[in-house]
């Protein structure tokens, strides 16, 4: 589970993506009010085949600028904390 923070005035979102024993993907996104996804949805909960889960999550991220920014910033923090591997330097 990851937490994406919005700006000071807006909330963010909690995102959980996990693979089931059957190989399907459980996807859960819960937006804090007043935040919403690009289609004005505030909660997404689905268990889908991998390709459909990728399609849905990609669509939601493409349509939601604050989510794009939050995920990008989280990745930047991860890179700065963990690096990309010992052989890079």
Protein backbone atom coordinates (compact mmCIF):
# COMPACT_ATOMS: atom_id res chain seq x y z
CA UNK A 1 0.00 0.00 0.00
CA UNK A 2 1.25 3.45 -0.84
CA UNK A 3 0.12 6.89 0.17
CA UNK A 4 0.05 9.72 -2.39
CA UNK A 5 -0.21 13.15 -0.78
CA UNK A 6 -1.93 16.03 -2.53
CA UNK A 7 -1.16 19.67 -1.90
CA UNK A 8 -1.97 21.42 1.39
CA UNK A 9 -5.56 22.25 0.50
CA UNK A 10 -6.39 18.90 -1.09
CA UNK A 11 -6.18 15.37 0.15
CA UNK A 12 -4.37 12.57 -1.57
CA UNK A 13 -5.02 8.89 -2.09
CA UNK A 14 -4.25 5.49 -0.67
CA UNK A 15 -3.39 2.91 -3.32
CA UNK A 16 -3.10 -0.84 -2.94
CA UNK A 17 -2.17 -3.19 -5.77
CA UNK A 18 -1.60 -6.86 -5.05
CA UNK A 19 -1.53 -10.11 -6.96
CA UNK A 20 -3.93 -12.84 -5.83
CA UNK A 21 -3.02 -16.52 -5.64
CA UNK A 22 -4.97 -17.01 -8.87
CA UNK A 23 -2.81 -14.45 -10.68
CA UNK A 24 -5.43 -11.72 -10.82
CA UNK A 25 -4.72 -8.18 -9.58
CA UNK A 26 -6.59 -6.57 -6.71
CA UNK A 27 -6.63 -2.82 -7.25
CA UNK A 28 -7.88 -0.39 -4.61
CA UNK A 29 -7.70 3.41 -4.73
CA UNK A 30 -9.34 5.59 -2.09
CA UNK A 31 -9.15 9.35 -2.61
CA UNK A 32 -9.39 11.78 0.27
CA UNK A 33 -12.08 14.38 -0.15
CA UNK A 34 -12.18 16.73 -2.00
CA UNK A 35 -9.75 14.91 -4.28
CA UNK A 36 -11.08 12.71 -7.09
CA UNK A 37 -9.73 10.82 -10.04
CA UNK A 38 -10.01 12.20 -13.57
CA UNK A 39 -13.47 10.70 -14.04
CA UNK A 40 -14.65 12.13 -10.67
CA UNK A 41 -14.51 8.70 -9.01
CA UNK A 42 -13.31 8.77 -5.40
CA UNK A 43 -12.98 5.01 -4.81
CA UNK A 44 -11.94 2.22 -7.16
CA UNK A 45 -12.01 -1.39 -6.03
CA UNK A 46 -11.58 -4.18 -8.56
CA UNK A 47 -10.07 -7.63 -9.04
CA UNK A 48 -9.02 -8.01 -12.65
CA UNK A 49 -6.75 -10.01 -14.94
CA UNK A 50 -3.29 -8.43 -15.08
CA UNK A 51 -3.73 -6.83 -18.50
CA UNK A 52 -7.08 -5.26 -17.56
CA UNK A 53 -5.69 -4.00 -14.23
CA UNK A 54 -2.74 -2.40 -16.06
CA UNK A 55 -5.15 -0.80 -18.55
CA UNK A 56 -7.42 0.59 -15.81
CA UNK A 57 -4.61 1.91 -13.61
CA UNK A 58 -2.82 3.47 -16.59
CA UNK A 59 -6.05 5.17 -17.69
CA UNK A 60 -6.71 6.54 -14.20
CA UNK A 61 -3.16 7.90 -13.90
CA UNK A 62 -3.25 9.45 -17.40
CA UNK A 63 -6.53 11.23 -16.59
CA UNK A 64 -5.52 12.48 -13.12
CA UNK A 65 -2.72 15.08 -13.08
CA UNK A 66 -2.36 15.24 -9.27
CA UNK A 67 -1.95 11.45 -9.18
CA UNK A 68 0.71 11.62 -11.92
CA UNK A 69 2.63 14.21 -9.93
CA UNK A 70 2.29 12.30 -6.66
CA UNK A 71 3.50 9.03 -8.17
CA UNK A 72 6.39 10.79 -9.91
CA UNK A 73 7.50 12.49 -6.69
CA UNK A 74 7.27 9.23 -4.79
CA UNK A 75 9.50 7.58 -7.40
CA UNK A 76 12.01 10.45 -7.14
CA UNK A 77 12.16 9.99 -3.37
CA UNK A 78 12.64 6.25 -3.82
CA UNK A 79 15.50 6.81 -6.28
CA UNK A 80 17.21 9.28 -3.96
CA UNK A 81 16.81 6.92 -0.99
CA UNK A 82 17.63 3.60 -2.64
CA UNK A 83 19.55 4.54 -5.77
CA UNK A 84 19.34 2.32 -8.82
CA UNK A 85 22.03 -0.18 -7.94
CA UNK A 86 25.69 -0.49 -6.93
CA UNK A 87 27.05 -0.70 -10.49
CA UNK A 88 25.76 2.72 -11.53
CA UNK A 89 28.82 4.66 -10.40
